[in-house]
Amino acid sequence: MDYQVVWTESAQEDLKQIVNFIATDDPVAAERFGLGLVDHFEQASLQPWSGRKVPEANIEELRELIYSPYRIIYEIMDGQKLVYVIRVWHAARGEPKID
C-alpha cells in the first residue's frame, strides 16, 4: 500500500530556495530540477523503507534518499502510512537541523 507523502514547511522552504537559486541562472533548468526531485521522492511512498537511515541520527524511522547533490530526509510513520519530508539538504552544507 502506498504511503501518503507530507512535505513539512521546512522541506517546502528548502525546495523553494533550491529552485530559486538555480533559476537565477536558468529558470527552465530550475523547474526541471525541482520536478525531478519531487518525482524521485515519490518512490518513497511506494517503498519508504528503501532509503538509508540518516547516519548522524541513527533512528530507524528517519531515512534519506539522494538526489545528487541533495539529501531528501524523511520520517516514516508506519502505523499511519505517512511519510513526512523533513528537509532537502545540499550534501556540502554539513548536517541539517532536523526538528
C-alpha atoms as a PDB file:
ATOM      1  CA  MET A   1       0.000   0.000   0.000  1.00  0.00           C
ATOM      2  CA  ASP A   2       1.250   3.474  -0.845  1.00  0.00           C
ATOM      3  CA  TYR A   3       2.148   5.888   1.886  1.00  0.00           C
ATOM      4  CA  GLN A   4       0.836   9.441   1.822  1.00  0.00           C
ATOM      5  CA  VAL A   5       3.632  11.989   1.404  1.00  0.00           C
ATOM      6  CA  VAL A   6       3.503  15.179   3.503  1.00  0.00           C
ATOM      7  CA  TRP A   7       6.012  17.974   2.885  1.00  0.00           C
ATOM      8  CA  THR A   8       6.801  19.917   6.075  1.00  0.00           C
ATOM      9  CA  GLU A   9       7.210  23.690   5.959  1.00  0.00           C
ATOM     10  CA  SER A  10      10.986  23.294   6.324  1.00  0.00           C
ATOM     11  CA  ALA A  11      11.180  20.921   3.359  1.00  0.00           C
ATOM     12  CA  GLN A  12       8.950  23.148   1.238  1.00  0.00           C
ATOM     13  CA  GLU A  13      11.129  26.156   2.040  1.00  0.00           C
ATOM     14  CA  ASP A  14      14.303  24.170   1.286  1.00  0.00           C
ATOM     15  CA  LEU A  15      12.953  23.162  -2.114  1.00  0.00           C
ATOM     16  CA  LYS A  16      11.789  26.696  -2.883  1.00  0.00           C
ATOM     17  CA  GLN A  17      15.229  28.115  -2.068  1.00  0.00           C
ATOM     18  CA  ILE A  18      16.979  25.498  -4.208  1.00  0.00           C
ATOM     19  CA  VAL A  19      14.745  26.166  -7.213  1.00  0.00           C
ATOM     20  CA  ASN A  20      15.059  29.949  -6.805  1.00  0.00           C
ATOM     21  CA  PHE A  21      18.846  29.690  -6.619  1.00  0.00           C
ATOM     22  CA  ILE A  22      19.035  27.614  -9.804  1.00  0.00           C
ATOM     23  CA  ALA A  23      16.525  29.927 -11.508  1.00  0.00           C
ATOM     24  CA  THR A  24      18.875  32.894 -11.211  1.00  0.00           C
ATOM     25  CA  ASP A  25      20.965  31.245 -13.951  1.00  0.00           C
ATOM     26  CA  ASP A  26      18.438  29.065 -15.756  1.00  0.00           C
ATOM     27  CA  PRO A  27      14.688  29.129 -14.960  1.00  0.00           C
ATOM     28  CA  VAL A  28      13.953  26.138 -17.202  1.00  0.00           C
ATOM     29  CA  ALA A  29      16.633  24.032 -15.515  1.00  0.00           C
ATOM     30  CA  ALA A  30      15.317  25.121 -12.106  1.00  0.00           C
ATOM     31  CA  GLU A  31      11.815  23.917 -12.890  1.00  0.00           C
ATOM     32  CA  ARG A  32      13.138  20.668 -14.362  1.00  0.00           C
ATOM     33  CA  PHE A  33      15.322  20.072 -11.297  1.00  0.00           C
ATOM     34  CA  GLY A  34      12.515  20.784  -8.814  1.00  0.00           C
ATOM     35  CA  LEU A  35      10.069  18.499 -10.593  1.00  0.00           C
ATOM     36  CA  GLY A  36      12.738  15.819 -10.934  1.00  0.00           C
ATOM     37  CA  LEU A  37      13.497  15.928  -7.225  1.00  0.00           C
ATOM     38  CA  VAL A  38       9.814  15.600  -6.300  1.00  0.00           C
ATOM     39  CA  ASP A  39       9.346  12.741  -8.787  1.00  0.00           C
ATOM     40  CA  HIS A  40      12.433  11.000  -7.410  1.00  0.00           C
ATOM     41  CA  PHE A  41      10.988  11.132  -3.928  1.00  0.00           C
ATOM     42  CA  GLU A  42       7.655   9.639  -4.994  1.00  0.00           C
ATOM     43  CA  GLN A  43       9.311   6.210  -4.770  1.00  0.00           C
ATOM     44  CA  ALA A  44       9.314   6.659  -1.002  1.00  0.00           C
ATOM     45  CA  SER A  45       5.544   6.474  -1.000  1.00  0.00           C
ATOM     46  CA  LEU A  46       5.820   3.032  -2.618  1.00  0.00           C
ATOM     47  CA  GLN A  47       8.777   1.681  -0.609  1.00  0.00           C
ATOM     48  CA  PRO A  48       9.561   4.104   2.218  1.00  0.00           C
ATOM     49  CA  TRP A  49      11.997   1.725   3.917  1.00  0.00           C
ATOM     50  CA  SER A  50      14.195   1.651   0.791  1.00  0.00           C
ATOM     51  CA  GLY A  51      16.032   4.827   1.806  1.00  0.00           C
ATOM     52  CA  ARG A  52      19.039   4.522   4.061  1.00  0.00           C
ATOM     53  CA  LYS A  53      18.974   5.516   7.716  1.00  0.00           C
ATOM     54  CA  VAL A  54      20.213   9.056   8.283  1.00  0.00           C
ATOM     55  CA  PRO A  55      23.742   8.296   9.558  1.00  0.00           C
ATOM     56  CA  GLU A  56      24.033  11.151  12.027  1.00  0.00           C
ATOM     57  CA  ALA A  57      20.665  10.374  13.652  1.00  0.00           C
ATOM     58  CA  ASN A  58      20.668   6.552  13.671  1.00  0.00           C
ATOM     59  CA  ILE A  59      16.881   6.434  14.092  1.00  0.00           C
ATOM     60  CA  GLU A  60      15.182   3.587  12.229  1.00  0.00           C
ATOM     61  CA  GLU A  61      12.235   5.689  11.009  1.00  0.00           C
ATOM     62  CA  LEU A  62      14.417   8.596   9.843  1.00  0.00           C
ATOM     63  CA  ARG A  63      15.557   7.894   6.281  1.00  0.00           C
ATOM     64  CA  GLU A  64      17.039   9.679   3.305  1.00  0.00           C
ATOM     65  CA  LEU A  65      17.165   9.421  -0.437  1.00  0.00           C
ATOM     66  CA  ILE A  66      19.844  11.079  -2.520  1.00  0.00           C
ATOM     67  CA  TYR A  67      19.033  13.289  -5.478  1.00  0.00           C
ATOM     68  CA  SER A  68      22.568  14.403  -6.111  1.00  0.00           C
ATOM     69  CA  PRO A  69      23.823  16.617  -4.616  1.00  0.00           C
ATOM     70  CA  TYR A  70      20.800  16.821  -2.279  1.00  0.00           C
ATOM     71  CA  ARG A  71      19.657  14.650   0.589  1.00  0.00           C
ATOM     72  CA  ILE A  72      15.890  14.228   0.917  1.00  0.00           C
ATOM     73  CA  ILE A  73      15.390  13.473   4.602  1.00  0.00           C
ATOM     74  CA  TYR A  74      12.101  11.969   5.681  1.00  0.00           C
ATOM     75  CA  GLU A  75      10.392  10.232   8.578  1.00  0.00           C
ATOM     76  CA  ILE A  76       8.204   7.162   8.238  1.00  0.00           C
ATOM     77  CA  MET A  77       5.042   6.913  10.320  1.00  0.00           C
ATOM     78  CA  ASP A  78       4.324   3.268   9.527  1.00  0.00           C
ATOM     79  CA  GLY A  79       1.116   2.925  11.548  1.00  0.00           C
ATOM     80  CA  GLN A  80      -0.487   5.891   9.798  1.00  0.00           C
ATOM     81  CA  LYS A  81       1.013   5.047   6.358  1.00  0.00           C
ATOM     82  CA  LEU A  82       2.570   8.550   6.235  1.00  0.00           C
ATOM     83  CA  VAL A  83       5.949   9.790   5.071  1.00  0.00           C
ATOM     84  CA  TYR A  84       6.972  13.269   6.241  1.00  0.00           C
ATOM     85  CA  VAL A  85       9.595  15.006   4.114  1.00  0.00           C
ATOM     86  CA  ILE A  86      11.586  16.916   6.719  1.00  0.00           C
ATOM     87  CA  ARG A  87      14.464  18.551   4.814  1.00  0.00           C
ATOM     88  CA  VAL A  88      16.005  18.827   1.362  1.00  0.00           C
ATOM     89  CA  TRP A  89      19.644  19.483   2.114  1.00  0.00           C
ATOM     90  CA  HIS A  90      22.718  20.074  -0.039  1.00  0.00           C
ATOM     91  CA  ALA A  91      25.297  17.450   0.896  1.00  0.00           C
ATOM     92  CA  ALA A  92      28.106  20.034   1.073  1.00  0.00           C
ATOM     93  CA  ARG A  93      26.297  22.035   3.781  1.00  0.00           C
ATOM     94  CA  GLY A  94      27.119  19.625   6.584  1.00  0.00           C
ATOM     95  CA  GLU A  95      24.486  18.168   8.865  1.00  0.00           C
ATOM     96  CA  PRO A  96      20.941  19.525   8.578  1.00  0.00           C
ATOM     97  CA  LYS A  97      18.908  20.640  11.546  1.00  0.00           C
ATOM     98  CA  ILE A  98      16.166  18.057  11.908  1.00  0.00           C
ATOM     99  CA  ASP A  99      13.140  19.007  14.000  1.00  0.00           C
END
